[in-house]
């Protein structure tokens, strides 16, 4: 009998983010948090850019199209996160 792993359905992105945010906000050391939006965007944006660039084989024009950004804005963000 072979034991292959059972694939779990992928939860919608918004559900995954909600789970992560609940865990983040449950931490004891965030009582004085004042920039949750900026912190979240920083944590999400870099891996998003990395994944899309990998998916497009570093084709910036295609990546910008997928992300709904201009190519110039994409380049600015890639530089900001030292991905260029």
N, C-alpha and C. Protein backbone atom coordinates (compact mmCIF):
# COMPACT_ATOMS: atom_id res chain seq x y z
N UNK A 1 0.85 -1.17 0.00
CA UNK A 1 0.00 0.00 0.00
C UNK A 1 0.89 1.24 0.00
N UNK A 2 0.70 2.14 -0.95
CA UNK A 2 1.52 3.35 -1.01
C UNK A 2 0.86 4.45 -0.20
N UNK A 3 1.67 5.22 0.47
CA UNK A 3 1.13 6.31 1.26
C UNK A 3 1.55 7.63 0.64
N UNK A 4 0.74 8.09 -0.27
CA UNK A 4 1.04 9.38 -0.88
C UNK A 4 0.36 10.47 -0.06
N UNK A 5 1.02 11.62 0.04
CA UNK A 5 0.42 12.69 0.83
C UNK A 5 -0.89 13.16 0.22
N UNK A 6 -1.85 13.43 1.08
CA UNK A 6 -3.14 13.93 0.63
C UNK A 6 -3.01 15.43 0.43
N UNK A 7 -3.32 15.86 -0.77
CA UNK A 7 -3.24 17.30 -1.05
C UNK A 7 -4.38 18.03 -0.37
N UNK A 8 -4.01 19.06 0.36
CA UNK A 8 -5.01 19.90 1.01
C UNK A 8 -5.41 21.00 0.04
N UNK A 9 -6.69 21.33 0.00
CA UNK A 9 -7.08 22.43 -0.89
C UNK A 9 -6.43 23.73 -0.41
N UNK A 10 -6.04 24.54 -1.35
CA UNK A 10 -5.41 25.82 -1.02
C UNK A 10 -6.50 26.79 -0.59
N UNK A 11 -6.30 27.39 0.58
CA UNK A 11 -7.26 28.37 1.08
C UNK A 11 -7.13 29.65 0.27
N UNK A 12 -8.23 30.37 0.11
CA UNK A 12 -8.14 31.66 -0.59
C UNK A 12 -7.13 32.56 0.11
N UNK A 13 -6.47 33.39 -0.67
CA UNK A 13 -5.42 34.26 -0.16
C UNK A 13 -5.91 35.10 1.02
N UNK A 14 -7.11 35.65 0.91
CA UNK A 14 -7.62 36.51 1.99
C UNK A 14 -7.76 35.73 3.29
N UNK A 15 -8.10 34.44 3.19
CA UNK A 15 -8.23 33.60 4.37
C UNK A 15 -6.86 33.32 4.99
N UNK A 16 -5.87 33.10 4.16
CA UNK A 16 -4.52 32.87 4.66
C UNK A 16 -3.98 34.12 5.34
N UNK A 17 -4.25 35.29 4.76
CA UNK A 17 -3.81 36.55 5.35
C UNK A 17 -4.50 36.77 6.69
N UNK A 18 -5.80 36.48 6.76
CA UNK A 18 -6.55 36.66 8.01
C UNK A 18 -5.98 35.77 9.12
N UNK A 19 -5.64 34.54 8.79
CA UNK A 19 -5.07 33.62 9.78
C UNK A 19 -3.73 34.16 10.27
N UNK A 20 -2.88 34.61 9.34
CA UNK A 20 -1.57 35.14 9.71
C UNK A 20 -1.71 36.42 10.56
N UNK A 21 -2.66 37.28 10.21
CA UNK A 21 -2.86 38.52 10.97
C UNK A 21 -3.35 38.24 12.39
N UNK A 22 -4.25 37.29 12.52
CA UNK A 22 -4.73 36.94 13.86
C UNK A 22 -3.58 36.45 14.73
N UNK A 23 -2.71 35.62 14.16
CA UNK A 23 -1.56 35.12 14.91
C UNK A 23 -0.61 36.27 15.25
N UNK A 24 -0.40 37.17 14.30
CA UNK A 24 0.48 38.32 14.52
C UNK A 24 -0.05 39.20 15.64
N UNK A 25 -1.34 39.49 15.60
CA UNK A 25 -1.94 40.37 16.60
C UNK A 25 -2.07 39.71 17.96
N UNK A 26 -1.98 38.40 18.03
CA UNK A 26 -2.07 37.68 19.29
C UNK A 26 -0.75 37.70 20.06
N UNK A 27 0.32 38.16 19.43
CA UNK A 27 1.62 38.22 20.10
C UNK A 27 1.57 39.22 21.25
N UNK A 28 2.35 38.96 22.27
CA UNK A 28 2.39 39.84 23.44
C UNK A 28 3.16 41.13 23.20
N UNK A 29 4.11 41.11 22.25
CA UNK A 29 5.03 42.23 22.11
C UNK A 29 4.57 43.28 21.09
N UNK A 30 3.31 43.35 20.76
CA UNK A 30 2.88 44.33 19.76
C UNK A 30 1.89 45.35 20.33
N UNK A 31 1.91 45.54 21.63
CA UNK A 31 0.96 46.45 22.26
C UNK A 31 1.03 47.87 21.71
N UNK A 32 2.21 48.31 21.32
CA UNK A 32 2.39 49.70 20.86
C UNK A 32 2.50 49.81 19.35
N UNK A 33 1.97 48.86 18.63
CA UNK A 33 2.07 48.90 17.17
C UNK A 33 1.31 50.11 16.62
N UNK A 34 1.95 50.81 15.69
CA UNK A 34 1.31 51.99 15.10
C UNK A 34 1.36 51.97 13.58
N UNK A 35 2.02 50.98 13.01
CA UNK A 35 2.19 50.97 11.56
C UNK A 35 1.88 49.60 10.96
N UNK A 36 0.80 49.00 11.40
CA UNK A 36 0.45 47.64 10.95
C UNK A 36 0.29 47.58 9.43
N UNK A 37 -0.30 48.60 8.84
CA UNK A 37 -0.50 48.60 7.39
C UNK A 37 0.84 48.57 6.65
N UNK A 38 1.74 49.46 7.03
CA UNK A 38 3.05 49.52 6.38
C UNK A 38 3.82 48.22 6.61
N UNK A 39 3.75 47.69 7.82
CA UNK A 39 4.46 46.44 8.12
C UNK A 39 3.91 45.30 7.28
N UNK A 40 2.61 45.21 7.16
CA UNK A 40 2.00 44.15 6.37
C UNK A 40 2.38 44.28 4.90
N UNK A 41 2.31 45.49 4.37
CA UNK A 41 2.63 45.69 2.95
C UNK A 41 4.09 45.32 2.67
N UNK A 42 4.98 45.67 3.58
CA UNK A 42 6.39 45.33 3.40
C UNK A 42 6.59 43.82 3.42
N UNK A 43 5.91 43.14 4.32
CA UNK A 43 6.04 41.69 4.44
C UNK A 43 5.45 40.96 3.24
N UNK A 44 4.41 41.51 2.64
CA UNK A 44 3.73 40.83 1.53
C UNK A 44 4.32 41.22 0.17
N UNK A 45 4.70 42.47 0.02
CA UNK A 45 5.10 42.96 -1.30
C UNK A 45 6.36 42.31 -1.84
N UNK A 46 7.38 42.16 -1.02
CA UNK A 46 8.64 41.59 -1.51
C UNK A 46 8.46 40.15 -2.00
N UNK A 47 7.83 39.25 -1.21
CA UNK A 47 7.65 37.90 -1.74
C UNK A 47 6.72 37.85 -2.95
N UNK A 48 5.76 38.76 -3.01
CA UNK A 48 4.88 38.83 -4.19
C UNK A 48 5.70 39.16 -5.42
N UNK A 49 6.55 40.17 -5.32
CA UNK A 49 7.39 40.56 -6.45
C UNK A 49 8.34 39.43 -6.85
N UNK A 50 8.96 38.78 -5.86
CA UNK A 50 9.87 37.68 -6.15
C UNK A 50 9.16 36.55 -6.87
N UNK A 51 7.98 36.19 -6.40
CA UNK A 51 7.23 35.08 -7.02
C UNK A 51 6.81 35.41 -8.45
N UNK A 52 6.32 36.61 -8.66
CA UNK A 52 5.88 36.99 -10.00
C UNK A 52 7.06 37.09 -10.95
N UNK A 53 8.18 37.61 -10.48
CA UNK A 53 9.36 37.68 -11.34
C UNK A 53 9.85 36.28 -11.70
N UNK A 54 9.81 35.37 -10.75
CA UNK A 54 10.21 33.99 -11.05
C UNK A 54 9.24 33.36 -12.04
N UNK A 55 7.95 33.58 -11.83
CA UNK A 55 6.92 33.03 -12.70
C UNK A 55 7.09 33.51 -14.14
N UNK A 56 7.51 34.76 -14.30
CA UNK A 56 7.68 35.35 -15.63
C UNK A 56 9.10 35.21 -16.16
N UNK A 57 9.93 34.46 -15.46
CA UNK A 57 11.33 34.29 -15.85
C UNK A 57 12.03 35.64 -16.01
N UNK A 58 11.75 36.53 -15.05
CA UNK A 58 12.33 37.88 -14.98
C UNK A 58 11.93 38.80 -16.13
N UNK A 59 10.81 38.51 -16.74
CA UNK A 59 10.27 39.38 -17.79
C UNK A 59 9.50 40.51 -17.11
N UNK A 60 10.13 41.67 -17.01
CA UNK A 60 9.54 42.78 -16.27
C UNK A 60 8.24 43.28 -16.90
N UNK A 61 8.18 43.29 -18.21
CA UNK A 61 6.96 43.76 -18.87
C UNK A 61 5.78 42.85 -18.53
N UNK A 62 6.00 41.55 -18.59
CA UNK A 62 4.94 40.59 -18.27
C UNK A 62 4.59 40.66 -16.78
N UNK A 63 5.60 40.77 -15.93
CA UNK A 63 5.35 40.88 -14.49
C UNK A 63 4.53 42.12 -14.16
N UNK A 64 4.89 43.24 -14.78
CA UNK A 64 4.14 44.47 -14.55
C UNK A 64 2.69 44.31 -14.99
N UNK A 65 2.48 43.64 -16.10
CA UNK A 65 1.13 43.40 -16.61
C UNK A 65 0.34 42.54 -15.61
N UNK A 66 0.94 41.47 -15.12
CA UNK A 66 0.27 40.60 -14.16
C UNK A 66 -0.09 41.35 -12.89
N UNK A 67 0.82 42.20 -12.43
CA UNK A 67 0.61 42.94 -11.18
C UNK A 67 -0.26 44.18 -11.35
N UNK A 68 -0.51 44.58 -12.59
CA UNK A 68 -1.30 45.79 -12.82
C UNK A 68 -0.52 47.05 -12.51
N UNK A 69 0.79 47.00 -12.72
CA UNK A 69 1.67 48.14 -12.49
C UNK A 69 2.29 48.57 -13.80
N UNK A 70 2.75 49.80 -13.83
CA UNK A 70 3.56 50.20 -14.98
C UNK A 70 4.93 49.54 -14.81
N UNK A 71 5.64 49.39 -15.91
CA UNK A 71 6.97 48.78 -15.83
C UNK A 71 7.90 49.63 -14.98
N UNK A 72 7.76 50.95 -15.07
CA UNK A 72 8.58 51.85 -14.26
C UNK A 72 8.32 51.68 -12.77
N UNK A 73 7.06 51.55 -12.40
CA UNK A 73 6.72 51.33 -10.99
C UNK A 73 7.27 50.00 -10.51
N UNK A 74 7.15 48.98 -11.35
CA UNK A 74 7.70 47.68 -10.99
C UNK A 74 9.20 47.79 -10.76
N UNK A 75 9.92 48.43 -11.67
CA UNK A 75 11.37 48.58 -11.52
C UNK A 75 11.72 49.32 -10.23
N UNK A 76 10.94 50.35 -9.90
CA UNK A 76 11.17 51.11 -8.67
C UNK A 76 11.01 50.20 -7.45
N UNK A 77 9.99 49.38 -7.46
CA UNK A 77 9.75 48.47 -6.34
C UNK A 77 10.82 47.38 -6.27
N UNK A 78 11.23 46.88 -7.42
CA UNK A 78 12.29 45.86 -7.43
C UNK A 78 13.58 46.43 -6.86
N UNK A 79 13.89 47.67 -7.20
CA UNK A 79 15.08 48.33 -6.64
C UNK A 79 14.93 48.56 -5.15
N UNK A 80 13.74 48.98 -4.73
CA UNK A 80 13.46 49.25 -3.31
C UNK A 80 13.72 48.01 -2.46
N UNK A 81 13.35 46.85 -2.98
CA UNK A 81 13.53 45.60 -2.24
C UNK A 81 14.81 44.86 -2.64
N UNK A 82 15.68 45.55 -3.35
CA UNK A 82 16.96 45.01 -3.79
C UNK A 82 16.79 43.69 -4.55
N UNK A 83 15.82 43.69 -5.44
CA UNK A 83 15.55 42.51 -6.28
C UNK A 83 16.06 42.71 -7.69
N UNK A 84 16.69 43.83 -7.96
CA UNK A 84 17.27 44.12 -9.26
C UNK A 84 18.78 44.11 -9.17
